[in-house]
Amino acid sequence: MARQRKKSDRPTKICAVCGLSFTWRKKWEKNWDEVRYCSKRCRQRKSSAAG
């Protein structure tokens, strides 16, 4: 069985809309490189932030 990482050892990114830091989640395991937004709300607001 694989060892789990501590929460403090998980990779982080900065949200493209709100600028807050967010950490890796299990549901993003397969596409972590494509994740740009911290939440559904930020993903929906991406078009208004670009303008």
Protein backbone atom coordinates (compact mmCIF):
# COMPACT_ATOMS: atom_id res chain seq x y z
CA MET A 1 0.00 0.00 0.00
CA ALA A 2 1.31 3.45 -0.92
CA ARG A 3 2.17 5.92 1.79
CA GLN A 4 0.03 9.00 2.03
CA ARG A 5 1.49 12.48 1.92
CA LYS A 6 1.05 14.90 4.76
CA LYS A 7 -1.26 17.78 3.96
CA SER A 8 1.66 20.17 4.20
CA ASP A 9 3.57 18.17 1.53
CA ARG A 10 0.85 18.35 -1.13
CA PRO A 11 1.49 20.53 -4.18
CA THR A 12 -0.20 23.93 -4.38
CA LYS A 13 -1.25 26.34 -7.12
CA ILE A 14 -2.57 29.89 -7.33
CA CYS A 15 -6.11 30.35 -8.66
CA ALA A 16 -6.20 32.24 -11.98
CA VAL A 17 -9.27 34.26 -10.93
CA CYS A 18 -9.15 35.03 -7.21
CA GLY A 19 -5.40 34.65 -6.65
CA LEU A 20 -5.77 32.40 -3.60
CA SER A 21 -3.58 29.39 -3.04
CA PHE A 22 -5.20 25.94 -3.23
CA THR A 23 -3.83 22.45 -2.68
CA TRP A 24 -3.98 19.18 -4.58
CA ARG A 25 -7.12 17.09 -4.18
CA LYS A 26 -7.67 13.42 -4.90
CA LYS A 27 -10.32 14.21 -7.54
CA TRP A 28 -7.68 16.21 -9.49
CA GLU A 29 -5.17 13.35 -9.44
CA LYS A 30 -5.37 12.55 -13.16
CA ASN A 31 -5.50 16.13 -14.47
CA TRP A 32 -3.59 18.24 -11.92
CA ASP A 33 -1.60 19.92 -14.72
CA GLU A 34 -4.81 21.31 -16.28
CA VAL A 35 -6.39 22.55 -13.03
CA ARG A 36 -6.37 26.38 -12.96
CA TYR A 37 -9.25 27.34 -10.65
CA CYS A 38 -9.81 26.68 -6.96
CA SER A 39 -13.58 26.21 -7.20
CA LYS A 40 -16.63 26.02 -9.46
CA ARG A 41 -17.36 29.64 -8.64
CA CYS A 42 -13.98 30.80 -9.94
CA ARG A 43 -14.31 28.63 -13.05
CA GLN A 44 -17.64 30.30 -13.81
CA ARG A 45 -16.19 33.78 -13.20
CA LYS A 46 -13.19 33.24 -15.52
CA SER A 47 -14.75 35.14 -18.43
CA SER A 48 -15.50 38.23 -16.34
CA ALA A 49 -11.97 38.23 -14.86
CA ALA A 50 -10.36 38.22 -18.32
CA GLY A 51 -12.07 41.47 -19.34
